[in-house]
C-alpha atoms as a PDB file:
ATOM      1  CA  MET A   1      -6.788 -30.803 -25.936  1.00  0.00           C
ATOM      2  CA  SER A   2      -6.932 -28.764 -22.484  1.00  0.00           C
ATOM      3  CA  VAL A   3      -3.823 -26.614 -21.267  1.00  0.00           C
ATOM      4  CA  ASP A   4      -3.052 -26.547 -17.419  1.00  0.00           C
ATOM      5  CA  ARG A   5      -4.982 -23.772 -15.941  1.00  0.00           C
ATOM      6  CA  TYR A   6      -3.060 -21.360 -13.432  1.00  0.00           C
ATOM      7  CA  ALA A   7      -4.565 -18.670 -10.994  1.00  0.00           C
ATOM      8  CA  VAL A   8      -4.001 -15.744  -9.038  1.00  0.00           C
ATOM      9  CA  ILE A   9      -6.068 -15.636  -6.415  1.00  0.00           C
ATOM     10  CA  GLY A  10      -6.589 -12.227  -4.048  1.00  0.00           C
ATOM     11  CA  ASN A  11      -9.733  -9.767  -2.673  1.00  0.00           C
ATOM     12  CA  PRO A  12      -9.105  -7.413  -4.600  1.00  0.00           C
ATOM     13  CA  VAL A  13      -7.515  -9.757  -7.851  1.00  0.00           C
ATOM     14  CA  ALA A  14      -8.389  -7.549 -10.821  1.00  0.00           C
ATOM     15  CA  HIS A  15      -6.007  -5.138 -10.833  1.00  0.00           C
ATOM     16  CA  SER A  16      -3.492  -7.524 -10.489  1.00  0.00           C
ATOM     17  CA  LEU A  17      -0.853  -7.911 -13.829  1.00  0.00           C
ATOM     18  CA  SER A  18       0.287 -11.227 -12.897  1.00  0.00           C
ATOM     19  CA  PRO A  19      -1.873 -12.818 -15.423  1.00  0.00           C
ATOM     20  CA  ARG A  20      -0.292 -10.726 -17.915  1.00  0.00           C
ATOM     21  CA  ILE A  21       3.629 -11.313 -16.833  1.00  0.00           C
ATOM     22  CA  HIS A  22       2.782 -15.386 -16.556  1.00  0.00           C
ATOM     23  CA  ALA A  23       1.199 -14.692 -20.464  1.00  0.00           C
ATOM     24  CA  MET A  24       4.787 -13.132 -21.684  1.00  0.00           C
ATOM     25  CA  PHE A  25       6.389 -16.591 -19.707  1.00  0.00           C
ATOM     26  CA  ALA A  26       4.240 -18.392 -21.306  1.00  0.00           C
ATOM     27  CA  GLU A  27       5.249 -17.008 -24.927  1.00  0.00           C
ATOM     28  CA  ILE A  28       8.349 -16.396 -24.791  1.00  0.00           C
ATOM     29  CA  THR A  29       9.224 -20.048 -23.755  1.00  0.00           C
ATOM     30  CA  GLY A  30       6.588 -22.024 -25.576  1.00  0.00           C
ATOM     31  CA  GLN A  31       4.309 -23.398 -22.778  1.00  0.00           C
ATOM     32  CA  GLU A  32       0.940 -23.648 -22.927  1.00  0.00           C
ATOM     33  CA  LEU A  33      -0.925 -22.634 -19.926  1.00  0.00           C
ATOM     34  CA  GLU A  34      -4.057 -20.702 -18.966  1.00  0.00           C
ATOM     35  CA  TYR A  35      -3.606 -18.323 -16.343  1.00  0.00           C
ATOM     36  CA  PHE A  36      -6.273 -16.641 -14.884  1.00  0.00           C
ATOM     37  CA  ARG A  37      -7.676 -13.846 -11.922  1.00  0.00           C
ATOM     38  CA  LEU A  38      -9.528 -15.229  -9.129  1.00  0.00           C
ATOM     39  CA  HIS A  39     -11.415 -13.371  -6.871  1.00  0.00           C
ATOM     40  CA  SER A  40     -12.069 -15.268  -3.265  1.00  0.00           C
ATOM     41  CA  PRO A  41     -14.737 -13.896  -0.732  1.00  0.00           C
ATOM     42  CA  THR A  42     -12.388 -12.595   2.314  1.00  0.00           C
ATOM     43  CA  ASP A  43     -14.056 -15.612   4.792  1.00  0.00           C
ATOM     44  CA  GLY A  44     -14.101 -18.393   1.253  1.00  0.00           C
ATOM     45  CA  PHE A  45     -10.319 -18.871   0.739  1.00  0.00           C
ATOM     46  CA  ASP A  46     -10.304 -22.379   1.595  1.00  0.00           C
ATOM     47  CA  ARG A  47     -13.275 -23.431  -0.778  1.00  0.00           C
ATOM     48  CA  SER A  48     -12.226 -21.379  -3.278  1.00  0.00           C
ATOM     49  CA  VAL A  49      -8.971 -22.589  -3.954  1.00  0.00           C
ATOM     50  CA  THR A  50     -10.277 -26.161  -3.061  1.00  0.00           C
ATOM     51  CA  GLU A  51     -12.868 -26.339  -5.884  1.00  0.00           C
ATOM     52  CA  PHE A  52      -9.964 -24.353  -8.072  1.00  0.00           C
ATOM     53  CA  PHE A  53      -7.545 -27.631  -7.999  1.00  0.00           C
ATOM     54  CA  ASP A  54     -10.670 -30.294  -7.718  1.00  0.00           C
ATOM     55  CA  ASP A  55     -11.541 -28.750 -10.835  1.00  0.00           C
ATOM     56  CA  GLY A  56      -7.740 -29.369 -12.663  1.00  0.00           C
ATOM     57  CA  GLY A  57      -5.473 -26.387 -11.626  1.00  0.00           C
ATOM     58  CA  GLN A  58      -2.043 -27.204 -10.939  1.00  0.00           C
ATOM     59  CA  GLY A  59      -0.571 -23.926  -9.327  1.00  0.00           C
ATOM     60  CA  LEU A  60      -2.063 -20.496  -7.725  1.00  0.00           C
ATOM     61  CA  SER A  61      -0.331 -17.320  -6.783  1.00  0.00           C
ATOM     62  CA  VAL A  62      -1.655 -15.704  -3.636  1.00  0.00           C
ATOM     63  CA  THR A  63      -2.119 -12.099  -3.040  1.00  0.00           C
ATOM     64  CA  ALA A  64      -3.739 -10.106  -0.354  1.00  0.00           C
ATOM     65  CA  PRO A  65      -5.311 -11.043   1.800  1.00  0.00           C
ATOM     66  CA  PHE A  66      -4.664 -14.748   1.976  1.00  0.00           C
ATOM     67  CA  LYS A  67      -1.177 -15.563   2.363  1.00  0.00           C
ATOM     68  CA  SER A  68      -1.389 -16.869   5.899  1.00  0.00           C
ATOM     69  CA  ASP A  69      -4.448 -18.697   4.858  1.00  0.00           C
ATOM     70  CA  ALA A  70      -2.451 -20.623   1.812  1.00  0.00           C
ATOM     71  CA  PHE A  71       0.038 -21.369   4.688  1.00  0.00           C
ATOM     72  CA  ARG A  72      -2.301 -22.995   6.690  1.00  0.00           C
ATOM     73  CA  TRP A  73      -4.102 -24.934   3.889  1.00  0.00           C
ATOM     74  CA  VAL A  74      -1.266 -26.789   2.112  1.00  0.00           C
ATOM     75  CA  ASP A  75      -0.160 -29.979   2.764  1.00  0.00           C
ATOM     76  CA  GLN A  76       4.115 -28.654   3.268  1.00  0.00           C
ATOM     77  CA  THR A  77       5.625 -25.891   3.111  1.00  0.00           C
ATOM     78  CA  ASP A  78       9.316 -24.549   1.892  1.00  0.00           C
ATOM     79  CA  PRO A  79      11.908 -23.374   3.919  1.00  0.00           C
ATOM     80  CA  LEU A  80      10.896 -20.073   2.880  1.00  0.00           C
ATOM     81  CA  ALA A  81       7.389 -20.101   3.655  1.00  0.00           C
ATOM     82  CA  GLN A  82       8.039 -21.640   7.058  1.00  0.00           C
ATOM     83  CA  GLU A  83      10.002 -18.503   8.530  1.00  0.00           C
ATOM     84  CA  SER A  84       7.601 -16.243   7.040  1.00  0.00           C
ATOM     85  CA  ALA A  85       4.373 -17.779   7.718  1.00  0.00           C
ATOM     86  CA  ALA A  86       3.165 -17.041   4.321  1.00  0.00           C
ATOM     87  CA  VAL A  87       2.693 -18.985   1.486  1.00  0.00           C
ATOM     88  CA  ASN A  88       2.660 -16.935  -2.377  1.00  0.00           C
ATOM     89  CA  THR A  89       2.363 -19.764  -4.569  1.00  0.00           C
ATOM     90  CA  ILE A  90       0.704 -23.032  -4.409  1.00  0.00           C
ATOM     91  CA  ALA A  91       1.808 -25.907  -6.951  1.00  0.00           C
ATOM     92  CA  ARG A  92       0.376 -29.438  -7.137  1.00  0.00           C
ATOM     93  CA  ARG A  93       3.348 -32.439  -6.577  1.00  0.00           C
ATOM     94  CA  ASN A  94       2.580 -35.900  -6.605  1.00  0.00           C
ATOM     95  CA  GLY A  95      -0.944 -35.365  -5.098  1.00  0.00           C
ATOM     96  CA  ARG A  96       0.135 -32.531  -2.347  1.00  0.00           C
ATOM     97  CA  MET A  97      -0.092 -29.261  -2.165  1.00  0.00           C
ATOM     98  CA  VAL A  98       3.376 -27.453  -1.519  1.00  0.00           C
ATOM     99  CA  GLY A  99       3.504 -24.111  -0.592  1.00  0.00           C
ATOM    100  CA  TYR A 100       6.263 -21.259  -1.459  1.00  0.00           C
ATOM    101  CA  ASN A 101       7.029 -18.192  -0.736  1.00  0.00           C
ATOM    102  CA  THR A 102       8.884 -16.290  -3.581  1.00  0.00           C
ATOM    103  CA  ASP A 103       8.454 -12.869  -2.242  1.00  0.00           C
ATOM    104  CA  GLY A 104      11.733 -12.225  -0.950  1.00  0.00           C
ATOM    105  CA  LEU A 105      13.352 -13.463  -3.581  1.00  0.00           C
ATOM    106  CA  GLY A 106      12.332 -11.217  -5.985  1.00  0.00           C
ATOM    107  CA  LEU A 107      12.793  -8.119  -3.749  1.00  0.00           C
ATOM    108  CA  VAL A 108      16.708  -8.967  -3.477  1.00  0.00           C
ATOM    109  CA  GLN A 109      17.158  -9.730  -6.967  1.00  0.00           C
ATOM    110  CA  ASP A 110      14.691  -6.166  -7.753  1.00  0.00           C
ATOM    111  CA  LEU A 111      17.036  -4.838  -5.382  1.00  0.00           C
ATOM    112  CA  ARG A 112      20.199  -5.908  -7.193  1.00  0.00           C
ATOM    113  CA  ARG A 113      18.927  -4.929 -10.776  1.00  0.00           C
ATOM    114  CA  LEU A 114      18.414  -1.334  -9.138  1.00  0.00           C
ATOM    115  CA  GLY A 115      22.199  -1.826  -8.008  1.00  0.00           C
ATOM    116  CA  TRP A 116      20.766  -0.750  -4.186  1.00  0.00           C
ATOM    117  CA  LEU A 117      21.643  -3.820  -2.439  1.00  0.00           C
ATOM    118  CA  ALA A 118      25.265  -4.517  -0.639  1.00  0.00           C
ATOM    119  CA  LYS A 119      26.163  -5.899   2.662  1.00  0.00           C
ATOM    120  CA  GLU A 120      25.972  -3.277   5.764  1.00  0.00           C
ATOM    121  CA  VAL A 121      23.228  -1.231   4.065  1.00  0.00           C
ATOM    122  CA  LYS A 122      20.660  -0.215   6.505  1.00  0.00           C
ATOM    123  CA  ILE A 123      17.315  -0.997   5.729  1.00  0.00           C
ATOM    124  CA  LEU A 124      14.239   0.292   7.389  1.00  0.00           C
ATOM    125  CA  ILE A 125      10.723  -1.464   6.795  1.00  0.00           C
ATOM    126  CA  LEU A 126       7.528   0.646   7.302  1.00  0.00           C
ATOM    127  CA  GLY A 127       5.136  -2.316   8.464  1.00  0.00           C
ATOM    128  CA  ALA A 128       5.370  -5.819  10.193  1.00  0.00           C
ATOM    129  CA  GLY A 129       2.508  -7.692   8.862  1.00  0.00           C
ATOM    130  CA  GLY A 130       3.014 -10.669   5.841  1.00  0.00           C
ATOM    131  CA  ALA A 131       4.175  -9.025   3.489  1.00  0.00           C
ATOM    132  CA  SER A 132       7.068  -7.890   5.511  1.00  0.00           C
ATOM    133  CA  GLY A 133       7.558 -11.905   7.056  1.00  0.00           C
ATOM    134  CA  GLY A 134       8.118 -12.657   3.473  1.00  0.00           C
ATOM    135  CA  ILE A 135      10.946 -10.378   3.004  1.00  0.00           C
ATOM    136  CA  LEU A 136      12.949 -10.552   6.248  1.00  0.00           C
ATOM    137  CA  GLY A 137      14.718 -13.649   5.633  1.00  0.00           C
ATOM    138  CA  PRO A 138      16.031 -13.265   2.313  1.00  0.00           C
ATOM    139  CA  LEU A 139      17.595  -9.519   3.215  1.00  0.00           C
ATOM    140  CA  MET A 140      19.038 -10.746   6.344  1.00  0.00           C
ATOM    141  CA  ARG A 141      20.819 -13.373   4.500  1.00  0.00           C
ATOM    142  CA  GLU A 142      22.073 -10.940   2.377  1.00  0.00           C
ATOM    143  CA  GLU A 143      23.732  -9.308   5.287  1.00  0.00           C
ATOM    144  CA  CYS A 144      21.494  -6.687   5.547  1.00  0.00           C
ATOM    145  CA  ARG A 145      21.686  -4.245   8.987  1.00  0.00           C
ATOM    146  CA  VAL A 146      17.219  -4.526   8.915  1.00  0.00           C
ATOM    147  CA  THR A 147      14.943  -2.619  11.642  1.00  0.00           C
ATOM    148  CA  VAL A 148      11.187  -3.018  11.249  1.00  0.00           C
ATOM    149  CA  ALA A 149       9.081  -0.542  12.178  1.00  0.00           C
ATOM    150  CA  ASN A 150       5.497  -0.618  13.299  1.00  0.00           C
ATOM    151  CA  ARG A 151       2.426   0.816  15.112  1.00  0.00           C
ATOM    152  CA  THR A 152       1.561  -2.006  16.810  1.00  0.00           C
ATOM    153  CA  GLU A 153       4.236  -3.344  19.087  1.00  0.00           C
ATOM    154  CA  SER A 154       2.435  -7.020  19.680  1.00  0.00           C
ATOM    155  CA  LYS A 155       3.490  -6.898  15.819  1.00  0.00           C
ATOM    156  CA  LEU A 156       7.334  -6.057  16.122  1.00  0.00           C
ATOM    157  CA  SER A 157       7.363  -8.805  19.059  1.00  0.00           C
ATOM    158  CA  ASN A 158       6.281 -11.846  17.032  1.00  0.00           C
ATOM    159  CA  LEU A 159       8.621 -10.906  14.371  1.00  0.00           C
ATOM    160  CA  LYS A 160      11.305 -10.713  16.907  1.00  0.00           C
ATOM    161  CA  GLU A 161      10.355 -14.772  18.256  1.00  0.00           C
ATOM    162  CA  ARG A 162      10.537 -15.852  14.236  1.00  0.00           C
ATOM    163  CA  PHE A 163      13.166 -13.580  13.524  1.00  0.00           C
ATOM    164  CA  PRO A 164      15.637 -12.973  16.957  1.00  0.00           C
ATOM    165  CA  ASN A 165      18.552 -11.165  15.640  1.00  0.00           C
ATOM    166  CA  LEU A 166      16.026  -8.557  13.592  1.00  0.00           C
ATOM    167  CA  SER A 167      15.985  -4.972  15.206  1.00  0.00           C
ATOM    168  CA  THR A 168      12.784  -3.770  15.625  1.00  0.00           C
ATOM    169  CA  VAL A 169      11.109   0.193  16.819  1.00  0.00           C
ATOM    170  CA  PRO A 170       8.038   1.780  17.452  1.00  0.00           C
ATOM    171  CA  LEU A 171       6.972   3.597  14.333  1.00  0.00           C
ATOM    172  CA  LYS A 172       6.274   6.835  16.092  1.00  0.00           C
ATOM    173  CA  GLN A 173      10.238   6.403  17.654  1.00  0.00           C
ATOM    174  CA  VAL A 174      11.786   6.341  14.041  1.00  0.00           C
ATOM    175  CA  GLU A 175      14.547   8.672  13.136  1.00  0.00           C
ATOM    176  CA  GLY A 176      17.845   9.037  11.776  1.00  0.00           C
ATOM    177  CA  GLN A 177      19.253   8.276   8.207  1.00  0.00           C
ATOM    178  CA  TRP A 178      18.527   5.353   6.347  1.00  0.00           C
ATOM    179  CA  ASP A 179      20.476   3.718   3.055  1.00  0.00           C
ATOM    180  CA  ILE A 180      16.470   1.915   2.017  1.00  0.00           C
ATOM    181  CA  VAL A 181      13.391   2.511   3.503  1.00  0.00           C
ATOM    182  CA  ILE A 182      11.076  -0.032   1.980  1.00  0.00           C
ATOM    183  CA  ASN A 183       7.200   0.505   2.213  1.00  0.00           C
ATOM    184  CA  ALA A 184       5.296  -3.051   3.423  1.00  0.00           C
ATOM    185  CA  THR A 185       1.785  -1.112   4.689  1.00  0.00           C
ATOM    186  CA  SER A 186      -1.268  -0.759   3.013  1.00  0.00           C
ATOM    187  CA  ALA A 187      -1.463   2.566   4.119  1.00  0.00           C
ATOM    188  CA  PHE A 188      -0.597   4.293   1.344  1.00  0.00           C
ATOM    189  CA  LEU A 189      -2.716   2.689  -0.928  1.00  0.00           C
ATOM    190  CA  ARG A 190      -5.497   3.100   1.127  1.00  0.00           C
ATOM    191  CA  LYS A 191      -4.821   7.196   1.010  1.00  0.00           C
ATOM    192  CA  GLN A 192      -3.963   6.977   4.821  1.00  0.00           C
ATOM    193  CA  SER A 193      -1.105   8.473   6.543  1.00  0.00           C
ATOM    194  CA  LEU A 194       1.766   6.714   8.948  1.00  0.00           C
ATOM    195  CA  ASN A 195       2.356   9.623  10.916  1.00  0.00           C
ATOM    196  CA  VAL A 196       6.041   9.246  10.394  1.00  0.00           C
ATOM    197  CA  ASN A 197       8.807  11.154  10.835  1.00  0.00           C
ATOM    198  CA  SER A 198       9.624  12.401   6.907  1.00  0.00           C
ATOM    199  CA  SER A 199      12.970  13.311   7.616  1.00  0.00           C
ATOM    200  CA  ILE A 200      13.958   9.434   7.423  1.00  0.00           C
ATOM    201  CA  MET A 201      13.203   9.479   3.841  1.00  0.00           C
ATOM    202  CA  PHE A 202      15.575  12.329   2.892  1.00  0.00           C
ATOM    203  CA  ASN A 203      18.415  11.136   0.597  1.00  0.00           C
ATOM    204  CA  ALA A 204      17.465   7.302   1.272  1.00  0.00           C
ATOM    205  CA  ARG A 205      16.541   5.101  -1.559  1.00  0.00           C
ATOM    206  CA  CYS A 206      12.644   4.489  -1.216  1.00  0.00           C
ATOM    207  CA  TYR A 207      10.783   1.162  -2.310  1.00  0.00           C
ATOM    208  CA  ASP A 208       7.661   0.321  -2.421  1.00  0.00           C
ATOM    209  CA  LEU A 209       6.498  -3.412  -1.857  1.00  0.00           C
ATOM    210  CA  GLY A 210       3.232  -2.173  -4.069  1.00  0.00           C
ATOM    211  CA  TYR A 211       2.883  -0.995  -7.578  1.00  0.00           C
ATOM    212  CA  GLN A 212       0.418   0.616  -9.612  1.00  0.00           C
ATOM    213  CA  PRO A 213      -0.381  -0.463 -12.945  1.00  0.00           C
ATOM    214  CA  ASP A 214      -1.361   3.041 -14.064  1.00  0.00           C
ATOM    215  CA  GLY A 215       1.290   5.385 -12.740  1.00  0.00           C
ATOM    216  CA  LEU A 216       3.625   6.237  -9.648  1.00  0.00           C
ATOM    217  CA  THR A 217       2.123   4.460  -6.119  1.00  0.00           C
ATOM    218  CA  SER A 218       1.290   7.126  -3.751  1.00  0.00           C
ATOM    219  CA  PHE A 219       4.579   5.894  -1.528  1.00  0.00           C
ATOM    220  CA  VAL A 220       6.650   6.756  -4.550  1.00  0.00           C
ATOM    221  CA  VAL A 221       5.563  10.310  -4.433  1.00  0.00           C
ATOM    222  CA  GLU A 222       5.186  11.252  -1.086  1.00  0.00           C
ATOM    223  CA  SER A 223       8.936  10.015  -0.746  1.00  0.00           C
ATOM    224  CA  ARG A 224       9.988  12.321  -3.815  1.00  0.00           C
ATOM    225  CA  ARG A 225       8.440  14.940  -2.560  1.00  0.00           C
ATOM    226  CA  TRP A 226      10.386  13.938   0.738  1.00  0.00           C
ATOM    227  CA  SER A 227      13.446  14.612  -1.054  1.00  0.00           C
ATOM    228  CA  ALA A 228      14.269  11.056  -1.575  1.00  0.00           C
ATOM    229  CA  ARG A 229      17.816   9.840  -3.760  1.00  0.00           C
ATOM    230  CA  GLU A 230      16.216   7.392  -5.512  1.00  0.00           C
ATOM    231  CA  VAL A 231      12.705   5.500  -5.594  1.00  0.00           C
ATOM    232  CA  SER A 232      10.840   2.359  -6.944  1.00  0.00           C
ATOM    233  CA  ASP A 233       7.827   0.524  -7.000  1.00  0.00           C
ATOM    234  CA  GLY A 234       7.313  -3.026  -6.727  1.00  0.00           C
ATOM    235  CA  LEU A 235       6.869  -4.442 -10.373  1.00  0.00           C
ATOM    236  CA  GLY A 236      10.313  -5.586 -10.638  1.00  0.00           C
ATOM    237  CA  MET A 237       9.718  -7.409  -7.515  1.00  0.00           C
ATOM    238  CA  LEU A 238       6.626  -8.854  -8.878  1.00  0.00           C
ATOM    239  CA  VAL A 239       8.111  -9.925 -12.325  1.00  0.00           C
ATOM    240  CA  PHE A 240      10.980 -11.662 -10.438  1.00  0.00           C
ATOM    241  CA  GLN A 241       9.142 -13.581  -7.909  1.00  0.00           C
ATOM    242  CA  ALA A 242       6.464 -14.837 -10.682  1.00  0.00           C
ATOM    243  CA  ALA A 243       9.585 -16.272 -12.604  1.00  0.00           C
ATOM    244  CA  GLU A 244      10.370 -17.761  -9.568  1.00  0.00           C
ATOM    245  CA  ALA A 245       6.828 -19.389  -9.387  1.00  0.00           C
ATOM    246  CA  PHE A 246       6.925 -20.231 -13.074  1.00  0.00           C
ATOM    247  CA  LYS A 247       9.652 -22.361 -12.080  1.00  0.00           C
ATOM    248  CA  PHE A 248       7.968 -24.468  -9.503  1.00  0.00           C
ATOM    249  CA  TRP A 249       5.326 -24.683 -12.164  1.00  0.00           C
ATOM    250  CA  ARG A 250       6.460 -25.470 -15.419  1.00  0.00           C
ATOM    251  CA  ASN A 251      10.407 -26.550 -14.266  1.00  0.00           C
ATOM    252  CA  VAL A 252      11.742 -24.318 -16.754  1.00  0.00           C
ATOM    253  CA  GLU A 253      14.044 -21.081 -15.581  1.00  0.00           C
ATOM    254  CA  LEU A 254      13.638 -17.927 -17.166  1.00  0.00           C
ATOM    255  CA  ASP A 255      17.248 -16.064 -18.110  1.00  0.00           C
ATOM    256  CA  ALA A 256      17.692 -12.082 -17.455  1.00  0.00           C
ATOM    257  CA  GLU A 257      17.526 -11.182 -20.930  1.00  0.00           C
ATOM    258  CA  VAL A 258      13.732 -12.538 -20.885  1.00  0.00           C
ATOM    259  CA  LEU A 259      12.638 -10.793 -17.470  1.00  0.00           C
ATOM    260  CA  SER A 260      14.232  -7.580 -18.620  1.00  0.00           C
ATOM    261  CA  LYS A 261      12.108  -8.015 -21.272  1.00  0.00           C
ATOM    262  CA  VAL A 262       8.805  -8.185 -19.717  1.00  0.00           C
ATOM    263  CA  LEU A 263       9.636  -5.712 -16.712  1.00  0.00           C
ATOM    264  CA  SER A 264      10.307  -3.425 -19.431  1.00  0.00           C
ATOM    265  CA  SER A 265       6.699  -4.282 -21.323  1.00  0.00           C
ATOM    266  CA  MET A 266       5.133  -3.843 -17.824  1.00  0.00           C
ATOM    267  CA  ARG A 267       6.495  -0.125 -17.575  1.00  0.00           C
ATOM    268  CA  SER A 268       5.094   0.701 -21.133  1.00  0.00           C
END
């Protein structure tokens, strides 16, 4: 008997922990499914995703650099995907492909778990790309005071069009004290410098949207060097956003105890 097939599509994707996470979700909840990594050429997303669903695939997780491609490819989107112009989860619904964005929901849940989230908390987001777009709406609805800093001002202008109440600042002009600093760039992953004033990290809680399966991310290491108050990578966000996707696909909601168990397993 065949089982429902799911995958995470990206480039690169070999490092992804999503198959391990969804395997644990399935085992704990008694779901029969297959979940694997799907590498796609950067110019071949449409072909790869079409072949996956034509072969009977039921759902996809979408990671870099394809979230904007996924937004254009799906038949319809949920409100979070619409406001962020990015899709990280695709589900087959009555013959139509529906796109969701669960990134912001995952981040908010992880910040709550860490005890960092509160109204009026001052958050600085480094980077104005697709990763930022996916988390802005949920953070702002939590009544956080969010500012985005980026090298190129054109990307900041694009975000301001979608989020008129958002504060923005050129990266080289960032200063002051922040409660939370979130890295939404790939600069540290590429071992590049952001040329940002290191004083903004002092006594701040620093969060990296990325994660390193076998250790600490460069941003976490640098934040500690810059005397951050607390640090975290994005592994918790990954688990929480995956749980949202699992709910869309399997109509099964995972409780806090299960998610805590899965996250602890990812850390071991």
